[in-house]
């Protein structure tokens, strides 16, 4: 009976490795496609003949910066899956970094006139909590080194 359980656990672990590898490939493909799309959007916005502005308008800049942040989030997610693929452990520090980047994207693109003050306060609390979690994780790594 013990051999059957060991074999089943081994099959599950092998399956998890293959699934995480497939997810890693697909996420890399998605990030690559997003980079190509960002290049196309940037080219079209820069060389728009109907636009009176020399380079980019504010709404175009916000759209492009939002796209940059989405790509950065994609990079961090690929790194998270890659670390899981190598170490078979999800690193909380990287997951928190993805959350910080996502919230930073939201804050940068935030239109203050569209949201209630309580929602903005809530976003501030989320930012504070994420920062505190990240700080505690960094502190725990420093304590482990000494």
C-alpha atoms as a PDB file:
ATOM      1  CA  UNK A   1       0.000   0.000   0.000  1.00  0.00           C
ATOM      2  CA  UNK A   2       2.848   2.415   0.807  1.00  0.00           C
ATOM      3  CA  UNK A   3       4.427   1.914  -2.622  1.00  0.00           C
ATOM      4  CA  UNK A   4       1.159   2.849  -4.310  1.00  0.00           C
ATOM      5  CA  UNK A   5       0.919   6.056  -2.312  1.00  0.00           C
ATOM      6  CA  UNK A   6       4.542   6.949  -3.078  1.00  0.00           C
ATOM      7  CA  UNK A   7       3.945   6.312  -6.768  1.00  0.00           C
ATOM      8  CA  UNK A   8       0.745   8.399  -6.723  1.00  0.00           C
ATOM      9  CA  UNK A   9       2.550  11.280  -4.983  1.00  0.00           C
ATOM     10  CA  UNK A  10       5.359  11.022  -7.535  1.00  0.00           C
ATOM     11  CA  UNK A  11       2.857  11.175 -10.419  1.00  0.00           C
ATOM     12  CA  UNK A  12       1.138  14.178  -8.862  1.00  0.00           C
ATOM     13  CA  UNK A  13       4.466  15.988  -8.382  1.00  0.00           C
ATOM     14  CA  UNK A  14       5.502  15.258 -11.968  1.00  0.00           C
ATOM     15  CA  UNK A  15       2.105  16.477 -13.187  1.00  0.00           C
ATOM     16  CA  UNK A  16       2.488  19.692 -11.161  1.00  0.00           C
ATOM     17  CA  UNK A  17       5.928  20.300 -12.692  1.00  0.00           C
ATOM     18  CA  UNK A  18       4.567  19.856 -16.221  1.00  0.00           C
ATOM     19  CA  UNK A  19       1.531  22.041 -15.523  1.00  0.00           C
ATOM     20  CA  UNK A  20       3.682  24.810 -14.065  1.00  0.00           C
ATOM     21  CA  UNK A  21       5.987  24.542 -17.086  1.00  0.00           C
ATOM     22  CA  UNK A  22       3.008  24.910 -19.441  1.00  0.00           C
ATOM     23  CA  UNK A  23       1.737  27.900 -17.426  1.00  0.00           C
ATOM     24  CA  UNK A  24       5.227  29.420 -17.591  1.00  0.00           C
ATOM     25  CA  UNK A  25       5.338  29.036 -21.366  1.00  0.00           C
ATOM     26  CA  UNK A  26       1.852  30.473 -21.829  1.00  0.00           C
ATOM     27  CA  UNK A  27       2.535  33.438 -19.540  1.00  0.00           C
ATOM     28  CA  UNK A  28       5.782  34.154 -21.387  1.00  0.00           C
ATOM     29  CA  UNK A  29       3.862  34.045 -24.668  1.00  0.00           C
ATOM     30  CA  UNK A  30       1.217  36.426 -23.312  1.00  0.00           C
ATOM     31  CA  UNK A  31       3.832  38.889 -22.045  1.00  0.00           C
ATOM     32  CA  UNK A  32       5.599  38.736 -25.422  1.00  0.00           C
ATOM     33  CA  UNK A  33       2.339  39.459 -27.243  1.00  0.00           C
ATOM     34  CA  UNK A  34       1.630  42.341 -24.837  1.00  0.00           C
ATOM     35  CA  UNK A  35       5.056  43.844 -25.595  1.00  0.00           C
ATOM     36  CA  UNK A  36       4.373  43.652 -29.343  1.00  0.00           C
ATOM     37  CA  UNK A  37       0.951  45.236 -28.820  1.00  0.00           C
ATOM     38  CA  UNK A  38       2.505  47.998 -26.696  1.00  0.00           C
ATOM     39  CA  UNK A  39       4.961  48.715 -29.513  1.00  0.00           C
ATOM     40  CA  UNK A  40       2.121  48.920 -32.034  1.00  0.00           C
ATOM     41  CA  UNK A  41       0.052  51.207 -29.794  1.00  0.00           C
ATOM     42  CA  UNK A  42       3.063  53.431 -29.129  1.00  0.00           C
ATOM     43  CA  UNK A  43       3.867  53.654 -32.848  1.00  0.00           C
ATOM     44  CA  UNK A  44       0.256  54.443 -33.789  1.00  0.00           C
ATOM     45  CA  UNK A  45      -0.065  57.081 -31.050  1.00  0.00           C
ATOM     46  CA  UNK A  46       3.243  58.756 -31.932  1.00  0.00           C
ATOM     47  CA  UNK A  47       2.654  58.922 -35.661  1.00  0.00           C
ATOM     48  CA  UNK A  48      -1.075  59.689 -35.722  1.00  0.00           C
ATOM     49  CA  UNK A  49      -1.559  62.202 -38.581  1.00  0.00           C
ATOM     50  CA  UNK A  50      -4.960  63.355 -37.259  1.00  0.00           C
ATOM     51  CA  UNK A  51      -3.443  64.398 -33.940  1.00  0.00           C
ATOM     52  CA  UNK A  52      -2.530  68.083 -33.506  1.00  0.00           C
ATOM     53  CA  UNK A  53      -0.145  67.335 -30.641  1.00  0.00           C
ATOM     54  CA  UNK A  54       3.478  66.693 -31.600  1.00  0.00           C
ATOM     55  CA  UNK A  55       3.926  63.561 -29.535  1.00  0.00           C
ATOM     56  CA  UNK A  56       1.418  62.175 -27.033  1.00  0.00           C
ATOM     57  CA  UNK A  57      -1.619  63.550 -25.253  1.00  0.00           C
ATOM     58  CA  UNK A  58      -2.250  62.957 -21.564  1.00  0.00           C
ATOM     59  CA  UNK A  59      -4.888  60.258 -22.091  1.00  0.00           C
ATOM     60  CA  UNK A  60      -2.552  58.445 -24.500  1.00  0.00           C
ATOM     61  CA  UNK A  61       0.250  58.627 -21.920  1.00  0.00           C
ATOM     62  CA  UNK A  62      -2.003  57.166 -19.230  1.00  0.00           C
ATOM     63  CA  UNK A  63      -3.013  54.343 -21.555  1.00  0.00           C
ATOM     64  CA  UNK A  64       0.623  53.594 -22.422  1.00  0.00           C
ATOM     65  CA  UNK A  65       1.802  53.782 -18.794  1.00  0.00           C
ATOM     66  CA  UNK A  66      -1.028  51.445 -17.819  1.00  0.00           C
ATOM     67  CA  UNK A  67       0.145  49.030 -20.478  1.00  0.00           C
ATOM     68  CA  UNK A  68       3.730  49.251 -19.165  1.00  0.00           C
ATOM     69  CA  UNK A  69       2.531  48.373 -15.679  1.00  0.00           C
ATOM     70  CA  UNK A  70       0.505  45.452 -16.984  1.00  0.00           C
ATOM     71  CA  UNK A  71       3.652  44.146 -18.685  1.00  0.00           C
ATOM     72  CA  UNK A  72       5.641  44.610 -15.455  1.00  0.00           C
ATOM     73  CA  UNK A  73       2.979  42.647 -13.587  1.00  0.00           C
ATOM     74  CA  UNK A  74       3.274  39.965 -16.268  1.00  0.00           C
ATOM     75  CA  UNK A  75       7.056  39.839 -15.774  1.00  0.00           C
ATOM     76  CA  UNK A  76       6.631  39.400 -12.042  1.00  0.00           C
ATOM     77  CA  UNK A  77       4.024  36.680 -12.527  1.00  0.00           C
ATOM     78  CA  UNK A  78       6.360  34.847 -14.915  1.00  0.00           C
ATOM     79  CA  UNK A  79       9.102  35.132 -12.293  1.00  0.00           C
ATOM     80  CA  UNK A  80       6.743  33.763  -9.635  1.00  0.00           C
ATOM     81  CA  UNK A  81       5.835  30.740 -11.747  1.00  0.00           C
ATOM     82  CA  UNK A  82       9.506  30.274 -12.684  1.00  0.00           C
ATOM     83  CA  UNK A  83      10.508  30.251  -9.004  1.00  0.00           C
ATOM     84  CA  UNK A  84       7.741  27.766  -8.272  1.00  0.00           C
ATOM     85  CA  UNK A  85       8.920  25.618 -11.190  1.00  0.00           C
ATOM     86  CA  UNK A  86      12.519  25.614  -9.887  1.00  0.00           C
ATOM     87  CA  UNK A  87      12.008  25.488  -6.119  1.00  0.00           C
ATOM     88  CA  UNK A  88       8.467  24.063  -5.855  1.00  0.00           C
ATOM     89  CA  UNK A  89       7.784  26.907  -3.384  1.00  0.00           C
ATOM     90  CA  UNK A  90       5.746  30.063  -3.845  1.00  0.00           C
ATOM     91  CA  UNK A  91       7.794  33.019  -2.602  1.00  0.00           C
ATOM     92  CA  UNK A  92       5.597  35.439  -0.679  1.00  0.00           C
ATOM     93  CA  UNK A  93       7.974  38.321  -1.377  1.00  0.00           C
ATOM     94  CA  UNK A  94       7.467  38.057  -5.146  1.00  0.00           C
ATOM     95  CA  UNK A  95       3.694  37.689  -4.796  1.00  0.00           C
ATOM     96  CA  UNK A  96       3.601  40.813  -2.625  1.00  0.00           C
ATOM     97  CA  UNK A  97       5.738  42.640  -5.165  1.00  0.00           C
ATOM     98  CA  UNK A  98       3.182  41.779  -7.862  1.00  0.00           C
ATOM     99  CA  UNK A  99       0.425  43.139  -5.624  1.00  0.00           C
ATOM    100  CA  UNK A 100       2.397  46.338  -4.946  1.00  0.00           C
ATOM    101  CA  UNK A 101       2.939  46.885  -8.675  1.00  0.00           C
ATOM    102  CA  UNK A 102      -0.756  46.255  -9.375  1.00  0.00           C
ATOM    103  CA  UNK A 103      -1.830  48.730  -6.701  1.00  0.00           C
ATOM    104  CA  UNK A 104       0.765  51.261  -7.888  1.00  0.00           C
ATOM    105  CA  UNK A 105      -0.681  50.947 -11.390  1.00  0.00           C
ATOM    106  CA  UNK A 106      -4.138  51.622  -9.972  1.00  0.00           C
ATOM    107  CA  UNK A 107      -2.941  54.655  -8.020  1.00  0.00           C
ATOM    108  CA  UNK A 108      -1.067  56.157 -10.962  1.00  0.00           C
ATOM    109  CA  UNK A 109      -4.045  55.762 -13.289  1.00  0.00           C
ATOM    110  CA  UNK A 110      -6.582  56.765 -10.620  1.00  0.00           C
ATOM    111  CA  UNK A 111      -9.048  59.479 -11.576  1.00  0.00           C
ATOM    112  CA  UNK A 112      -9.856  61.021  -8.197  1.00  0.00           C
ATOM    113  CA  UNK A 113     -13.094  62.573  -9.445  1.00  0.00           C
ATOM    114  CA  UNK A 114     -14.643  59.170 -10.223  1.00  0.00           C
ATOM    115  CA  UNK A 115     -14.209  57.615  -6.767  1.00  0.00           C
ATOM    116  CA  UNK A 116     -15.753  58.244  -3.377  1.00  0.00           C
ATOM    117  CA  UNK A 117     -13.377  59.441  -0.662  1.00  0.00           C
ATOM    118  CA  UNK A 118     -13.970  56.195   1.269  1.00  0.00           C
ATOM    119  CA  UNK A 119     -12.706  54.172  -1.709  1.00  0.00           C
ATOM    120  CA  UNK A 120      -9.549  56.292  -1.845  1.00  0.00           C
ATOM    121  CA  UNK A 121      -9.047  55.808   1.905  1.00  0.00           C
ATOM    122  CA  UNK A 122      -9.505  52.072   1.405  1.00  0.00           C
ATOM    123  CA  UNK A 123      -6.875  52.103  -1.336  1.00  0.00           C
ATOM    124  CA  UNK A 124      -4.517  53.921   1.051  1.00  0.00           C
ATOM    125  CA  UNK A 125      -5.107  51.240   3.683  1.00  0.00           C
ATOM    126  CA  UNK A 126      -4.351  48.531   1.101  1.00  0.00           C
ATOM    127  CA  UNK A 127      -1.111  50.285   0.138  1.00  0.00           C
ATOM    128  CA  UNK A 128      -0.102  50.590   3.797  1.00  0.00           C
ATOM    129  CA  UNK A 129      -0.916  46.930   4.486  1.00  0.00           C
ATOM    130  CA  UNK A 130       1.039  45.715   1.448  1.00  0.00           C
ATOM    131  CA  UNK A 131       4.005  47.886   2.395  1.00  0.00           C
ATOM    132  CA  UNK A 132       3.919  46.591   5.964  1.00  0.00           C
ATOM    133  CA  UNK A 133       3.733  42.966   4.788  1.00  0.00           C
ATOM    134  CA  UNK A 134       6.652  43.495   2.423  1.00  0.00           C
ATOM    135  CA  UNK A 135       8.663  45.147   5.211  1.00  0.00           C
ATOM    136  CA  UNK A 136       7.933  42.276   7.632  1.00  0.00           C
ATOM    137  CA  UNK A 137       9.022  39.709   5.049  1.00  0.00           C
ATOM    138  CA  UNK A 138      12.251  41.612   4.378  1.00  0.00           C
ATOM    139  CA  UNK A 139      12.874  41.857   8.132  1.00  0.00           C
ATOM    140  CA  UNK A 140      12.346  38.108   8.545  1.00  0.00           C
ATOM    141  CA  UNK A 141      14.944  37.454   5.823  1.00  0.00           C
ATOM    142  CA  UNK A 142      17.412  39.724   7.637  1.00  0.00           C
ATOM    143  CA  UNK A 143      16.811  37.911  10.922  1.00  0.00           C
ATOM    144  CA  UNK A 144      17.385  34.513   9.241  1.00  0.00           C
ATOM    145  CA  UNK A 145      20.748  35.676   7.819  1.00  0.00           C
ATOM    146  CA  UNK A 146      22.115  36.631  11.238  1.00  0.00           C
END
